[in-house]
Amino acid sequence: MTLTDVLIEPVVSEKASMLREQNKYVFIVRKDATKTDIKEAVAKLFNVTVVNCTTMNVIGKVKRLRGKPGRTASYKKAVVRIADGQTIAAFEGV
């Protein structure tokens, strides 16, 4: 698993935007990625110092389509806190 395989996509939501004020960035990551893998990937890809990493498994919601039950996809989410004074340029202006 390479560094670019660990991070799938950033989360762009209102709550994630409010967390950026606290130097916290939210990513959807691979289900088998560990906290150490996530820290290394963020540190090397964005050239920042990672202070903390919190992960959570988000279970898909039950939905119905044309009366038949189904489920949205489950995924793993990581909230990464970086050192004070540092930012990730990819998130600026979003």
N, C-alpha and C. Protein backbone atom coordinates (compact mmCIF):
# COMPACT_ATOMS: atom_id res chain seq x y z
N MET A 1 0.86 -1.17 0.00
CA MET A 1 0.00 0.00 0.00
C MET A 1 0.90 1.24 0.00
N THR A 2 0.75 2.08 -1.02
CA THR A 2 1.56 3.29 -1.12
C THR A 2 0.86 4.44 -0.40
N LEU A 3 1.56 5.55 -0.26
CA LEU A 3 1.02 6.70 0.46
C LEU A 3 -0.23 7.25 -0.22
N THR A 4 -0.23 7.26 -1.55
CA THR A 4 -1.39 7.81 -2.26
C THR A 4 -2.59 6.88 -2.19
N ASP A 5 -2.39 5.61 -1.88
CA ASP A 5 -3.51 4.66 -1.74
C ASP A 5 -4.23 4.82 -0.41
N VAL A 6 -3.56 5.34 0.61
CA VAL A 6 -4.15 5.45 1.95
C VAL A 6 -5.28 6.46 1.97
N LEU A 7 -5.04 7.65 1.45
CA LEU A 7 -6.05 8.71 1.45
C LEU A 7 -6.88 8.60 0.17
N ILE A 8 -8.19 8.42 0.32
CA ILE A 8 -9.06 8.30 -0.84
C ILE A 8 -9.51 9.69 -1.30
N GLU A 9 -10.10 10.48 -0.40
CA GLU A 9 -10.54 11.82 -0.76
C GLU A 9 -10.74 12.65 0.49
N PRO A 10 -10.61 13.97 0.37
CA PRO A 10 -10.91 14.84 1.50
C PRO A 10 -12.42 15.02 1.66
N VAL A 11 -12.85 15.28 2.88
CA VAL A 11 -14.26 15.53 3.14
C VAL A 11 -14.48 17.03 3.11
N VAL A 12 -15.39 17.48 2.25
CA VAL A 12 -15.71 18.90 2.14
C VAL A 12 -17.15 19.07 2.61
N SER A 13 -17.30 19.46 3.87
CA SER A 13 -18.62 19.67 4.44
C SER A 13 -18.54 20.87 5.39
N GLU A 14 -19.69 21.27 5.88
CA GLU A 14 -19.71 22.41 6.79
C GLU A 14 -18.98 22.10 8.10
N LYS A 15 -19.19 20.91 8.61
CA LYS A 15 -18.53 20.52 9.85
C LYS A 15 -17.01 20.41 9.66
N ALA A 16 -16.59 19.86 8.53
CA ALA A 16 -15.17 19.75 8.25
C ALA A 16 -14.54 21.13 8.09
N SER A 17 -15.29 22.08 7.54
CA SER A 17 -14.78 23.45 7.41
C SER A 17 -14.59 24.11 8.77
N MET A 18 -15.50 23.84 9.70
CA MET A 18 -15.36 24.40 11.05
C MET A 18 -14.18 23.76 11.78
N LEU A 19 -13.90 22.48 11.51
CA LEU A 19 -12.77 21.82 12.14
C LEU A 19 -11.44 22.37 11.65
N ARG A 20 -11.40 22.89 10.42
CA ARG A 20 -10.16 23.46 9.90
C ARG A 20 -9.67 24.64 10.72
N GLU A 21 -10.58 25.34 11.38
CA GLU A 21 -10.18 26.45 12.25
C GLU A 21 -9.38 25.96 13.45
N GLN A 22 -9.53 24.68 13.79
CA GLN A 22 -8.80 24.07 14.90
C GLN A 22 -7.61 23.25 14.39
N ASN A 23 -7.20 23.48 13.14
CA ASN A 23 -6.11 22.73 12.49
C ASN A 23 -6.41 21.25 12.36
N LYS A 24 -7.68 20.91 12.14
CA LYS A 24 -8.08 19.52 11.93
C LYS A 24 -8.61 19.37 10.52
N TYR A 25 -8.16 18.33 9.83
CA TYR A 25 -8.56 18.05 8.46
C TYR A 25 -9.16 16.65 8.39
N VAL A 26 -10.22 16.50 7.59
CA VAL A 26 -10.97 15.24 7.54
C VAL A 26 -10.76 14.58 6.18
N PHE A 27 -10.47 13.27 6.20
CA PHE A 27 -10.24 12.50 4.99
C PHE A 27 -11.02 11.19 5.06
N ILE A 28 -11.44 10.69 3.90
CA ILE A 28 -11.93 9.32 3.79
C ILE A 28 -10.72 8.48 3.42
N VAL A 29 -10.50 7.40 4.17
CA VAL A 29 -9.30 6.59 4.00
C VAL A 29 -9.69 5.13 3.72
N ARG A 30 -8.70 4.33 3.36
CA ARG A 30 -8.94 2.90 3.13
C ARG A 30 -9.36 2.25 4.44
N LYS A 31 -10.19 1.22 4.32
CA LYS A 31 -10.69 0.55 5.52
C LYS A 31 -9.59 -0.18 6.29
N ASP A 32 -8.55 -0.62 5.61
CA ASP A 32 -7.48 -1.35 6.29
C ASP A 32 -6.31 -0.46 6.69
N ALA A 33 -6.44 0.86 6.53
CA ALA A 33 -5.37 1.79 6.90
C ALA A 33 -5.34 1.98 8.41
N THR A 34 -4.15 1.98 8.97
CA THR A 34 -3.98 2.21 10.41
C THR A 34 -3.71 3.69 10.66
N LYS A 35 -3.75 4.08 11.92
CA LYS A 35 -3.48 5.48 12.27
C LYS A 35 -2.06 5.87 11.87
N THR A 36 -1.13 4.96 12.03
CA THR A 36 0.26 5.24 11.66
C THR A 36 0.38 5.46 10.16
N ASP A 37 -0.31 4.63 9.36
CA ASP A 37 -0.29 4.80 7.91
C ASP A 37 -0.86 6.16 7.51
N ILE A 38 -1.95 6.56 8.15
CA ILE A 38 -2.61 7.82 7.83
C ILE A 38 -1.70 9.01 8.20
N LYS A 39 -1.08 8.94 9.38
CA LYS A 39 -0.17 10.01 9.80
C LYS A 39 0.98 10.18 8.82
N GLU A 40 1.59 9.07 8.42
CA GLU A 40 2.72 9.12 7.49
C GLU A 40 2.29 9.67 6.13
N ALA A 41 1.13 9.24 5.65
CA ALA A 41 0.66 9.68 4.34
C ALA A 41 0.40 11.19 4.33
N VAL A 42 -0.28 11.71 5.34
CA VAL A 42 -0.58 13.14 5.40
C VAL A 42 0.71 13.94 5.56
N ALA A 43 1.61 13.46 6.42
CA ALA A 43 2.86 14.18 6.66
C ALA A 43 3.71 14.29 5.40
N LYS A 44 3.81 13.20 4.65
CA LYS A 44 4.69 13.21 3.48
C LYS A 44 4.03 13.84 2.25
N LEU A 45 2.73 13.63 2.07
CA LEU A 45 2.06 14.18 0.88
C LEU A 45 1.87 15.69 0.96
N PHE A 46 1.57 16.20 2.17
CA PHE A 46 1.28 17.62 2.31
C PHE A 46 2.39 18.39 3.02
N ASN A 47 3.47 17.71 3.43
CA ASN A 47 4.63 18.33 4.06
C ASN A 47 4.24 19.12 5.31
N VAL A 48 3.53 18.46 6.23
CA VAL A 48 3.12 19.05 7.50
C VAL A 48 3.49 18.10 8.63
N THR A 49 3.42 18.60 9.86
CA THR A 49 3.67 17.79 11.04
C THR A 49 2.33 17.37 11.64
N VAL A 50 2.10 16.07 11.73
CA VAL A 50 0.84 15.54 12.25
C VAL A 50 0.97 15.36 13.76
N VAL A 51 0.03 15.96 14.50
CA VAL A 51 0.04 15.87 15.95
C VAL A 51 -0.81 14.70 16.43
N ASN A 52 -1.98 14.53 15.82
CA ASN A 52 -2.93 13.52 16.30
C ASN A 52 -3.75 13.00 15.13
N CYS A 53 -4.24 11.77 15.26
CA CYS A 53 -5.10 11.18 14.24
C CYS A 53 -6.19 10.38 14.93
N THR A 54 -7.43 10.67 14.57
CA THR A 54 -8.58 9.95 15.10
C THR A 54 -9.31 9.31 13.94
N THR A 55 -9.66 8.03 14.08
CA THR A 55 -10.35 7.33 13.00
C THR A 55 -11.71 6.84 13.49
N MET A 56 -12.62 6.69 12.53
CA MET A 56 -13.94 6.15 12.84
C MET A 56 -14.48 5.40 11.63
N ASN A 57 -15.19 4.31 11.89
CA ASN A 57 -15.85 3.57 10.83
C ASN A 57 -17.28 4.05 10.73
N VAL A 58 -17.66 4.54 9.56
CA VAL A 58 -19.00 5.05 9.32
C VAL A 58 -19.80 3.96 8.61
N ILE A 59 -20.86 3.52 9.25
CA ILE A 59 -21.69 2.46 8.70
C ILE A 59 -22.71 3.07 7.75
N GLY A 60 -22.90 2.44 6.60
CA GLY A 60 -23.83 2.94 5.59
C GLY A 60 -25.26 2.94 6.09
N LYS A 61 -26.04 3.89 5.59
CA LYS A 61 -27.44 4.01 6.00
C LYS A 61 -28.31 3.08 5.17
N VAL A 62 -29.40 2.63 5.75
CA VAL A 62 -30.37 1.82 5.03
C VAL A 62 -31.26 2.75 4.22
N LYS A 63 -31.35 2.50 2.92
CA LYS A 63 -32.16 3.31 2.02
C LYS A 63 -33.07 2.39 1.23
N ARG A 64 -34.06 2.99 0.56
CA ARG A 64 -34.95 2.22 -0.30
C ARG A 64 -34.91 2.81 -1.70
N LEU A 65 -34.91 1.92 -2.68
CA LEU A 65 -34.98 2.34 -4.07
C LEU A 65 -36.06 1.51 -4.75
N ARG A 66 -37.09 2.18 -5.18
CA ARG A 66 -38.24 1.51 -5.80
C ARG A 66 -38.84 0.45 -4.89
N GLY A 67 -38.87 0.74 -3.61
CA GLY A 67 -39.48 -0.14 -2.63
C GLY A 67 -38.59 -1.25 -2.12
N LYS A 68 -37.42 -1.43 -2.71
CA LYS A 68 -36.53 -2.50 -2.28
C LYS A 68 -35.46 -1.93 -1.35
N PRO A 69 -35.23 -2.58 -0.22
CA PRO A 69 -34.23 -2.06 0.71
C PRO A 69 -32.81 -2.24 0.18
N GLY A 70 -31.98 -1.30 0.54
CA GLY A 70 -30.58 -1.34 0.17
C GLY A 70 -29.77 -0.61 1.23
N ARG A 71 -28.52 -0.43 0.96
CA ARG A 71 -27.64 0.22 1.94
C ARG A 71 -26.60 1.04 1.20
N THR A 72 -26.32 2.24 1.71
CA THR A 72 -25.25 3.03 1.13
C THR A 72 -23.92 2.44 1.60
N ALA A 73 -22.85 2.81 0.94
CA ALA A 73 -21.54 2.23 1.22
C ALA A 73 -21.01 2.67 2.58
N SER A 74 -20.38 1.75 3.29
CA SER A 74 -19.69 2.07 4.53
C SER A 74 -18.27 2.53 4.19
N TYR A 75 -17.68 3.35 5.07
CA TYR A 75 -16.34 3.84 4.82
C TYR A 75 -15.66 4.17 6.14
N LYS A 76 -14.36 4.43 6.06
CA LYS A 76 -13.57 4.82 7.22
C LYS A 76 -13.17 6.27 7.07
N LYS A 77 -13.31 7.04 8.14
CA LYS A 77 -13.03 8.47 8.11
C LYS A 77 -11.93 8.76 9.13
N ALA A 78 -11.02 9.67 8.79
CA ALA A 78 -9.93 10.06 9.68
C ALA A 78 -9.94 11.57 9.87
N VAL A 79 -9.79 12.00 11.11
CA VAL A 79 -9.64 13.42 11.44
C VAL A 79 -8.20 13.59 11.89
N VAL A 80 -7.44 14.37 11.13
CA VAL A 80 -6.01 14.55 11.38
C VAL A 80 -5.78 15.97 11.87
N ARG A 81 -5.10 16.09 13.03
CA ARG A 81 -4.75 17.41 13.56
C ARG A 81 -3.29 17.67 13.26
N ILE A 82 -3.01 18.85 12.68
CA ILE A 82 -1.63 19.20 12.35
C ILE A 82 -1.13 20.27 13.31
N ALA A 83 0.17 20.51 13.28
CA ALA A 83 0.80 21.46 14.21
C ALA A 83 0.28 22.88 13.96
N ASP A 84 0.31 23.69 15.01
CA ASP A 84 -0.13 25.08 14.92
C ASP A 84 0.71 25.85 13.92
N GLY A 85 0.05 26.71 13.17
CA GLY A 85 0.74 27.53 12.19
C GLY A 85 0.90 26.89 10.83
N GLN A 86 0.55 25.61 10.69
CA GLN A 86 0.67 24.93 9.41
C GLN A 86 -0.71 24.77 8.79
N THR A 87 -0.76 24.75 7.47
CA THR A 87 -2.01 24.51 6.76
C THR A 87 -1.75 23.57 5.60
N ILE A 88 -2.82 23.00 5.09
CA ILE A 88 -2.74 22.18 3.88
C ILE A 88 -3.30 23.04 2.75
N ALA A 89 -2.46 23.33 1.78
CA ALA A 89 -2.82 24.28 0.73
C ALA A 89 -3.98 23.79 -0.13
N ALA A 90 -4.17 22.48 -0.23
CA ALA A 90 -5.25 21.93 -1.07
C ALA A 90 -6.62 22.32 -0.53
N PHE A 91 -6.73 22.61 0.76
CA PHE A 91 -8.00 22.94 1.37
C PHE A 91 -8.29 24.43 1.36
N GLU A 92 -7.31 25.26 1.08
CA GLU A 92 -7.50 26.71 1.12
C GLU A 92 -8.42 27.15 -0.01
N GLY A 93 -9.40 27.99 0.32
CA GLY A 93 -10.32 28.49 -0.68
C GLY A 93 -11.49 27.57 -0.95
N VAL A 94 -11.60 26.47 -0.20
CA VAL A 94 -12.70 25.51 -0.41
C VAL A 94 -13.83 25.85 0.53
